[in-house]
C-alpha atoms as a PDB file:
ATOM      1  CA  LEU A   1      -6.565  28.468-211.475  1.00  0.00           C
ATOM      2  CA  ALA A   2      -6.161  29.199-207.797  1.00  0.00           C
ATOM      3  CA  PHE A   3      -2.399  29.626-207.572  1.00  0.00           C
ATOM      4  CA  PRO A   4      -0.581  32.452-209.400  1.00  0.00           C
ATOM      5  CA  GLU A   5       2.651  30.455-209.681  1.00  0.00           C
ATOM      6  CA  ILE A   6       0.886  27.586-211.439  1.00  0.00           C
ATOM      7  CA  ARG A   7      -0.794  30.037-213.796  1.00  0.00           C
ATOM      8  CA  LYS A   8       2.552  31.686-214.480  1.00  0.00           C
ATOM      9  CA  LYS A   9       4.159  28.363-215.429  1.00  0.00           C
ATOM     10  CA  ILE A  10       1.271  27.471-217.734  1.00  0.00           C
ATOM     11  CA  LEU A  11       1.402  30.867-219.463  1.00  0.00           C
ATOM     12  CA  LEU A  12       5.153  30.560-219.974  1.00  0.00           C
ATOM     13  CA  THR A  13       4.701  27.065-221.383  1.00  0.00           C
ATOM     14  CA  LEU A  14       2.078  28.255-223.849  1.00  0.00           C
ATOM     15  CA  ASN A  15       3.981  31.411-224.782  1.00  0.00           C
ATOM     16  CA  PRO A  16       7.620  31.688-223.637  1.00  0.00           C
ATOM     17  CA  THR A  17       7.866  35.219-225.098  1.00  0.00           C
ATOM     18  CA  LEU A  18       5.333  36.742-222.700  1.00  0.00           C
ATOM     19  CA  PRO A  19       6.683  39.857-220.933  1.00  0.00           C
ATOM     20  CA  GLU A  20       7.180  39.679-217.181  1.00  0.00           C
ATOM     21  CA  GLN A  21       4.399  42.240-216.523  1.00  0.00           C
ATOM     22  CA  ALA A  22       1.848  40.005-218.209  1.00  0.00           C
ATOM     23  CA  LEU A  23       2.673  37.272-215.711  1.00  0.00           C
ATOM     24  CA  ILE A  24       2.087  39.418-212.619  1.00  0.00           C
ATOM     25  CA  THR A  25      -1.401  38.732-211.308  1.00  0.00           C
ATOM     26  CA  GLN A  26      -3.238  39.603-208.125  1.00  0.00           C
ATOM     27  CA  GLU A  27      -6.123  37.449-206.950  1.00  0.00           C
ATOM     28  CA  ALA A  28      -9.530  38.963-206.227  1.00  0.00           C
ATOM     29  CA  PRO A  29     -12.756  37.304-205.096  1.00  0.00           C
ATOM     30  CA  LYS A  30     -14.981  36.826-208.123  1.00  0.00           C
ATOM     31  CA  LEU A  31     -18.617  37.815-207.826  1.00  0.00           C
ATOM     32  CA  PRO A  32     -20.910  34.769-207.765  1.00  0.00           C
ATOM     33  CA  GLU A  33     -23.363  34.211-210.604  1.00  0.00           C
ATOM     34  CA  ILE A  34     -27.039  34.555-209.750  1.00  0.00           C
ATOM     35  CA  ALA A  35     -29.723  32.750-211.732  1.00  0.00           C
ATOM     36  CA  VAL A  36     -33.022  34.621-211.985  1.00  0.00           C
ATOM     37  CA  PRO A  37     -35.834  32.173-211.167  1.00  0.00           C
ATOM     38  CA  LEU A  38     -37.936  31.140-214.173  1.00  0.00           C
ATOM     39  CA  LEU A  39     -36.260  33.636-216.530  1.00  0.00           C
ATOM     40  CA  SER A  40     -32.959  31.733-216.495  1.00  0.00           C
ATOM     41  CA  ASP A  41     -34.829  28.604-217.643  1.00  0.00           C
ATOM     42  CA  ILE A  42     -36.041  30.178-220.894  1.00  0.00           C
ATOM     43  CA  PRO A  43     -34.641  28.131-223.818  1.00  0.00           C
ATOM     44  CA  LEU A  44     -31.751  29.664-225.792  1.00  0.00           C
ATOM     45  CA  ILE A  45     -31.715  33.091-224.121  1.00  0.00           C
ATOM     46  CA  GLY A  46     -32.267  32.249-220.448  1.00  0.00           C
ATOM     47  CA  LYS A  47     -28.660  31.664-219.414  1.00  0.00           C
ATOM     48  CA  SER A  48     -27.364  34.349-221.768  1.00  0.00           C
ATOM     49  CA  PHE A  49     -29.391  37.123-220.136  1.00  0.00           C
ATOM     50  CA  PHE A  50     -30.399  35.901-216.690  1.00  0.00           C
ATOM     51  CA  HIS A  51     -27.504  33.880-215.268  1.00  0.00           C
ATOM     52  CA  HIS A  52     -24.843  36.444-214.375  1.00  0.00           C
ATOM     53  CA  ASN A  53     -23.293  38.250-211.443  1.00  0.00           C
ATOM     54  CA  VAL A  54     -24.908  41.275-209.843  1.00  0.00           C
ATOM     55  CA  LEU A  55     -22.942  43.838-211.916  1.00  0.00           C
ATOM     56  CA  VAL A  56     -24.523  42.555-215.127  1.00  0.00           C
ATOM     57  CA  TYR A  57     -27.993  43.039-213.667  1.00  0.00           C
ATOM     58  CA  VAL A  58     -26.943  46.503-212.514  1.00  0.00           C
ATOM     59  CA  SER A  59     -26.009  47.276-216.137  1.00  0.00           C
ATOM     60  CA  TYR A  60     -29.500  46.223-217.284  1.00  0.00           C
ATOM     61  CA  ILE A  61     -31.136  48.496-214.717  1.00  0.00           C
ATOM     62  CA  ALA A  62     -28.741  51.341-215.556  1.00  0.00           C
ATOM     63  CA  ALA A  63     -29.453  51.085-219.302  1.00  0.00           C
ATOM     64  CA  ILE A  64     -33.220  51.122-218.782  1.00  0.00           C
ATOM     65  CA  THR A  65     -32.955  53.997-216.291  1.00  0.00           C
ATOM     66  CA  MET A  66     -30.756  56.060-218.613  1.00  0.00           C
ATOM     67  CA  TRP A  67     -33.140  55.442-221.527  1.00  0.00           C
ATOM     68  CA  PHE A  68     -36.030  56.711-219.418  1.00  0.00           C
ATOM     69  CA  ILE A  69     -34.072  59.778-218.299  1.00  0.00           C
ATOM     70  CA  LEU A  70     -32.864  60.594-221.820  1.00  0.00           C
ATOM     71  CA  PHE A  71     -36.188  60.297-223.633  1.00  0.00           C
ATOM     72  CA  LYS A  72     -38.880  60.754-220.985  1.00  0.00           C
ATOM     73  CA  THR A  73     -37.668  63.519-218.661  1.00  0.00           C
ATOM     74  CA  LYS A  74     -36.853  67.221-218.819  1.00  0.00           C
ATOM     75  CA  LEU A  75     -33.267  66.491-217.757  1.00  0.00           C
ATOM     76  CA  GLY A  76     -32.886  64.128-220.707  1.00  0.00           C
ATOM     77  CA  LEU A  77     -34.249  66.756-223.074  1.00  0.00           C
ATOM     78  CA  SER A  78     -31.731  69.252-221.703  1.00  0.00           C
ATOM     79  CA  LEU A  79     -28.917  66.736-222.114  1.00  0.00           C
ATOM     80  CA  ARG A  80     -29.813  66.007-225.727  1.00  0.00           C
ATOM     81  CA  SER A  81     -30.243  69.701-226.495  1.00  0.00           C
ATOM     82  CA  VAL A  82     -26.763  70.636-225.233  1.00  0.00           C
ATOM     83  CA  GLY A  83     -25.393  67.938-227.515  1.00  0.00           C
ATOM     84  CA  GLU A  84     -27.302  69.124-230.565  1.00  0.00           C
ATOM     85  CA  ASP A  85     -27.407  72.920-230.217  1.00  0.00           C
ATOM     86  CA  PRO A  86     -25.886  74.258-226.985  1.00  0.00           C
ATOM     87  CA  ALA A  87     -26.393  77.906-227.990  1.00  0.00           C
ATOM     88  CA  THR A  88     -30.152  77.451-228.353  1.00  0.00           C
ATOM     89  CA  ALA A  89     -30.297  75.428-225.141  1.00  0.00           C
ATOM     90  CA  ASP A  90     -28.407  78.200-223.341  1.00  0.00           C
ATOM     91  CA  SER A  91     -30.814  80.829-224.638  1.00  0.00           C
ATOM     92  CA  LEU A  92     -33.702  78.787-223.200  1.00  0.00           C
ATOM     93  CA  GLY A  93     -32.157  78.784-219.743  1.00  0.00           C
ATOM     94  CA  VAL A  94     -30.342  75.440-219.761  1.00  0.00           C
ATOM     95  CA  ASN A  95     -27.011  75.512-217.925  1.00  0.00           C
ATOM     96  CA  VAL A  96     -24.910  73.987-220.703  1.00  0.00           C
ATOM     97  CA  PHE A  97     -21.743  73.686-218.637  1.00  0.00           C
ATOM     98  CA  LEU A  98     -23.466  72.047-215.659  1.00  0.00           C
ATOM     99  CA  VAL A  99     -25.341  69.526-217.808  1.00  0.00           C
ATOM    100  CA  ARG A 100     -22.227  68.609-219.773  1.00  0.00           C
ATOM    101  CA  TYR A 101     -20.090  68.215-216.664  1.00  0.00           C
ATOM    102  CA  LEU A 102     -22.803  66.143-215.004  1.00  0.00           C
ATOM    103  CA  ALA A 103     -22.986  63.859-218.053  1.00  0.00           C
ATOM    104  CA  THR A 104     -19.193  63.510-218.055  1.00  0.00           C
ATOM    105  CA  VAL A 105     -19.092  62.590-214.365  1.00  0.00           C
ATOM    106  CA  ILE A 106     -21.863  60.003-214.739  1.00  0.00           C
ATOM    107  CA  SER A 107     -20.275  58.459-217.833  1.00  0.00           C
ATOM    108  CA  GLY A 108     -16.948  58.325-215.992  1.00  0.00           C
ATOM    109  CA  GLY A 109     -18.679  56.478-213.171  1.00  0.00           C
ATOM    110  CA  PHE A 110     -20.046  53.923-215.617  1.00  0.00           C
ATOM    111  CA  ALA A 111     -16.574  53.510-217.124  1.00  0.00           C
ATOM    112  CA  GLY A 112     -15.200  52.844-213.649  1.00  0.00           C
ATOM    113  CA  LEU A 113     -17.950  50.294-213.042  1.00  0.00           C
ATOM    114  CA  ALA A 114     -16.981  48.558-216.279  1.00  0.00           C
ATOM    115  CA  GLY A 115     -13.375  48.412-215.113  1.00  0.00           C
ATOM    116  CA  ALA A 116     -14.480  46.959-211.788  1.00  0.00           C
ATOM    117  CA  TYR A 117     -16.444  44.295-213.646  1.00  0.00           C
ATOM    118  CA  LEU A 118     -13.328  43.204-215.526  1.00  0.00           C
ATOM    119  CA  PHE A 119     -11.503  42.689-212.234  1.00  0.00           C
ATOM    120  CA  ILE A 120     -14.139  41.140-209.970  1.00  0.00           C
ATOM    121  CA  GLY A 121     -16.787  39.926-212.395  1.00  0.00           C
ATOM    122  CA  PHE A 122     -14.956  38.617-215.464  1.00  0.00           C
ATOM    123  CA  HIS A 123     -11.341  37.770-214.579  1.00  0.00           C
ATOM    124  CA  PRO A 124     -10.691  37.101-210.871  1.00  0.00           C
ATOM    125  CA  PHE A 125      -7.210  38.601-211.123  1.00  0.00           C
ATOM    126  CA  TRP A 126      -5.499  41.815-212.163  1.00  0.00           C
ATOM    127  CA  GLN A 127      -2.706  42.262-214.659  1.00  0.00           C
ATOM    128  CA  GLU A 128      -1.310  45.235-216.525  1.00  0.00           C
ATOM    129  CA  GLY A 129      -3.161  46.012-219.741  1.00  0.00           C
ATOM    130  CA  MET A 130      -6.073  43.702-218.958  1.00  0.00           C
ATOM    131  CA  THR A 131      -8.563  46.100-220.583  1.00  0.00           C
ATOM    132  CA  ALA A 132      -6.902  45.361-223.958  1.00  0.00           C
ATOM    133  CA  GLY A 133      -8.507  48.346-225.684  1.00  0.00           C
ATOM    134  CA  LYS A 134     -12.069  47.409-224.743  1.00  0.00           C
ATOM    135  CA  GLY A 135     -12.801  51.080-224.104  1.00  0.00           C
ATOM    136  CA  PHE A 136     -12.549  51.730-227.844  1.00  0.00           C
ATOM    137  CA  ILE A 137     -15.001  48.885-228.448  1.00  0.00           C
ATOM    138  CA  ALA A 138     -17.389  50.589-226.010  1.00  0.00           C
ATOM    139  CA  LEU A 139     -17.000  53.801-228.024  1.00  0.00           C
ATOM    140  CA  ALA A 140     -17.991  51.997-231.218  1.00  0.00           C
ATOM    141  CA  LEU A 141     -20.896  50.401-229.366  1.00  0.00           C
ATOM    142  CA  VAL A 142     -22.290  53.829-228.481  1.00  0.00           C
ATOM    143  CA  ILE A 143     -22.199  54.799-232.150  1.00  0.00           C
ATOM    144  CA  LEU A 144     -23.737  51.564-233.437  1.00  0.00           C
ATOM    145  CA  SER A 145     -26.524  51.810-230.870  1.00  0.00           C
ATOM    146  CA  THR A 146     -27.210  55.365-232.126  1.00  0.00           C
ATOM    147  CA  TRP A 147     -26.963  56.755-228.593  1.00  0.00           C
ATOM    148  CA  ASN A 148     -29.850  54.578-227.380  1.00  0.00           C
ATOM    149  CA  PRO A 149     -29.108  52.744-224.087  1.00  0.00           C
ATOM    150  CA  LEU A 150     -31.559  49.916-224.831  1.00  0.00           C
ATOM    151  CA  ARG A 151     -29.944  49.206-228.189  1.00  0.00           C
ATOM    152  CA  ALA A 152     -26.589  49.285-226.423  1.00  0.00           C
ATOM    153  CA  ILE A 153     -27.583  46.170-224.465  1.00  0.00           C
ATOM    154  CA  LEU A 154     -28.114  44.212-227.678  1.00  0.00           C
ATOM    155  CA  GLY A 155     -24.981  45.742-229.198  1.00  0.00           C
ATOM    156  CA  ALA A 156     -22.938  44.651-226.194  1.00  0.00           C
ATOM    157  CA  TYR A 157     -24.094  41.075-226.708  1.00  0.00           C
ATOM    158  CA  LEU A 158     -23.204  41.363-230.399  1.00  0.00           C
ATOM    159  CA  PHE A 159     -19.650  42.498-229.637  1.00  0.00           C
ATOM    160  CA  GLY A 160     -19.360  39.917-226.892  1.00  0.00           C
ATOM    161  CA  GLY A 161     -20.477  37.245-229.343  1.00  0.00           C
ATOM    162  CA  VAL A 162     -17.889  38.345-231.892  1.00  0.00           C
ATOM    163  CA  GLU A 163     -15.196  38.144-229.211  1.00  0.00           C
ATOM    164  CA  THR A 164     -16.378  34.746-227.988  1.00  0.00           C
ATOM    165  CA  ILE A 165     -16.738  33.182-231.416  1.00  0.00           C
ATOM    166  CA  GLN A 166     -12.969  33.134-231.862  1.00  0.00           C
ATOM    167  CA  PHE A 167     -12.691  30.547-229.097  1.00  0.00           C
ATOM    168  CA  ARG A 168     -15.628  28.526-230.424  1.00  0.00           C
ATOM    169  CA  LEU A 169     -14.178  28.403-233.924  1.00  0.00           C
ATOM    170  CA  GLN A 170     -10.808  27.272-232.621  1.00  0.00           C
ATOM    171  CA  LEU A 171     -12.486  24.340-230.869  1.00  0.00           C
ATOM    172  CA  PHE A 172     -13.710  23.192-234.286  1.00  0.00           C
ATOM    173  CA  GLY A 173     -10.318  23.730-235.899  1.00  0.00           C
ATOM    174  CA  PHE A 174     -11.067  27.041-237.606  1.00  0.00           C
ATOM    175  CA  GLY A 175      -8.433  29.694-237.134  1.00  0.00           C
ATOM    176  CA  ALA A 176      -6.198  27.453-235.051  1.00  0.00           C
ATOM    177  CA  GLN A 177      -3.203  28.496-237.160  1.00  0.00           C
ATOM    178  CA  SER A 178      -4.077  32.184-237.046  1.00  0.00           C
ATOM    179  CA  PRO A 179      -5.844  32.936-233.737  1.00  0.00           C
ATOM    180  CA  TYR A 180      -4.755  36.573-233.880  1.00  0.00           C
ATOM    181  CA  PHE A 181      -6.962  37.160-236.921  1.00  0.00           C
ATOM    182  CA  LEU A 182     -10.032  36.004-235.005  1.00  0.00           C
ATOM    183  CA  ALA A 183      -8.982  37.958-231.915  1.00  0.00           C
ATOM    184  CA  MET A 184      -8.834  41.206-233.868  1.00  0.00           C
ATOM    185  CA  LEU A 185     -12.421  40.951-235.192  1.00  0.00           C
ATOM    186  CA  PRO A 186     -14.006  43.150-232.465  1.00  0.00           C
ATOM    187  CA  TYR A 187     -11.324  45.796-232.964  1.00  0.00           C
ATOM    188  CA  LEU A 188     -11.689  45.606-236.742  1.00  0.00           C
ATOM    189  CA  ILE A 189     -15.407  46.324-236.414  1.00  0.00           C
ATOM    190  CA  THR A 190     -14.558  49.222-234.102  1.00  0.00           C
ATOM    191  CA  ILE A 191     -12.109  50.763-236.587  1.00  0.00           C
ATOM    192  CA  ILE A 192     -14.583  50.412-239.467  1.00  0.00           C
ATOM    193  CA  THR A 193     -17.293  52.063-237.356  1.00  0.00           C
ATOM    194  CA  LEU A 194     -15.069  55.015-236.451  1.00  0.00           C
ATOM    195  CA  ILE A 195     -14.085  55.466-240.105  1.00  0.00           C
ATOM    196  CA  LEU A 196     -17.704  55.444-241.255  1.00  0.00           C
ATOM    197  CA  ILE A 197     -18.792  58.201-238.867  1.00  0.00           C
ATOM    198  CA  SER A 198     -16.087  60.462-240.266  1.00  0.00           C
ATOM    199  CA  PHE A 199     -18.290  60.967-243.339  1.00  0.00           C
ATOM    200  CA  GLU A 200     -20.794  63.815-242.946  1.00  0.00           C
ATOM    201  CA  ASN A 201     -23.636  62.028-244.771  1.00  0.00           C
ATOM    202  CA  LEU A 202     -23.369  59.000-242.514  1.00  0.00           C
ATOM    203  CA  LYS A 203     -23.198  61.213-239.438  1.00  0.00           C
ATOM    204  CA  LYS A 204     -26.667  62.539-240.222  1.00  0.00           C
ATOM    205  CA  ARG A 205     -28.082  59.066-240.847  1.00  0.00           C
ATOM    206  CA  ILE A 206     -26.605  57.618-237.676  1.00  0.00           C
ATOM    207  CA  GLY A 207     -27.786  60.581-235.629  1.00  0.00           C
ATOM    208  CA  VAL A 208     -24.463  61.847-234.329  1.00  0.00           C
ATOM    209  CA  PRO A 209     -25.068  64.878-232.060  1.00  0.00           C
ATOM    210  CA  LYS A 210     -24.086  68.006-233.994  1.00  0.00           C
ATOM    211  CA  ALA A 211     -22.091  69.494-231.116  1.00  0.00           C
ATOM    212  CA  LEU A 212     -20.353  66.245-230.187  1.00  0.00           C
ATOM    213  CA  GLY A 213     -16.803  66.986-229.035  1.00  0.00           C
ATOM    214  CA  ILE A 214     -17.165  70.728-229.669  1.00  0.00           C
ATOM    215  CA  PRO A 215     -16.452  72.981-226.650  1.00  0.00           C
ATOM    216  CA  TYR A 216     -19.103  75.607-225.981  1.00  0.00           C
ATOM    217  CA  SER A 217     -18.300  79.241-225.286  1.00  0.00           C
ATOM    218  CA  ARG A 218     -20.882  81.991-224.950  1.00  0.00           C
ATOM    219  CA  GLU A 219     -18.498  84.575-226.395  1.00  0.00           C
ATOM    220  CA  GLN A 220     -18.550  82.744-229.737  1.00  0.00           C
ATOM    221  CA  ASP A 221     -22.303  82.971-230.128  1.00  0.00           C
END
């Protein structure tokens, strides 16, 4: 819909109880979709993986690059070591604070890129609360992918499929009377995932870093 006023009238018609902030939108140019020659013509998976805007392809490259850095370089070994046993890493000469801050800055950059995608790659307009808790879904995705960037690509498609299926089912008459139940499925999976990793036995099986979320101080060791 090209005109905000028309969109506003339609939203009010569909749901008269919508708050005023939800109706305030700002247009933005949406990134064009780019089809990768030959790959986009592959049956079943071609359009799903190779017919997107440039930010999606950037995410593919970023995931592969981060996997290589994490598991094939000295920097990746240092990063994993400060997450597992920072005291030992420190004793071996790894700057725990620098590596952790660097990882935080890079992850923050990726989070910002994800937010930019929502605005210029997914919805061509901005409105308050448009993220709708998707950051928590991303958190669950990291856990389900067991901290492996390549698995995260497949996990992202899984969560995206769960979110999309609600609209598909409604087209066939399923969940038309209770669309909110279908809409909460991705968040339900997220909550279940976060509950499961609270158990110590499952933490070990999933491969949760031992020092995850624990501040490091040399005086304590």
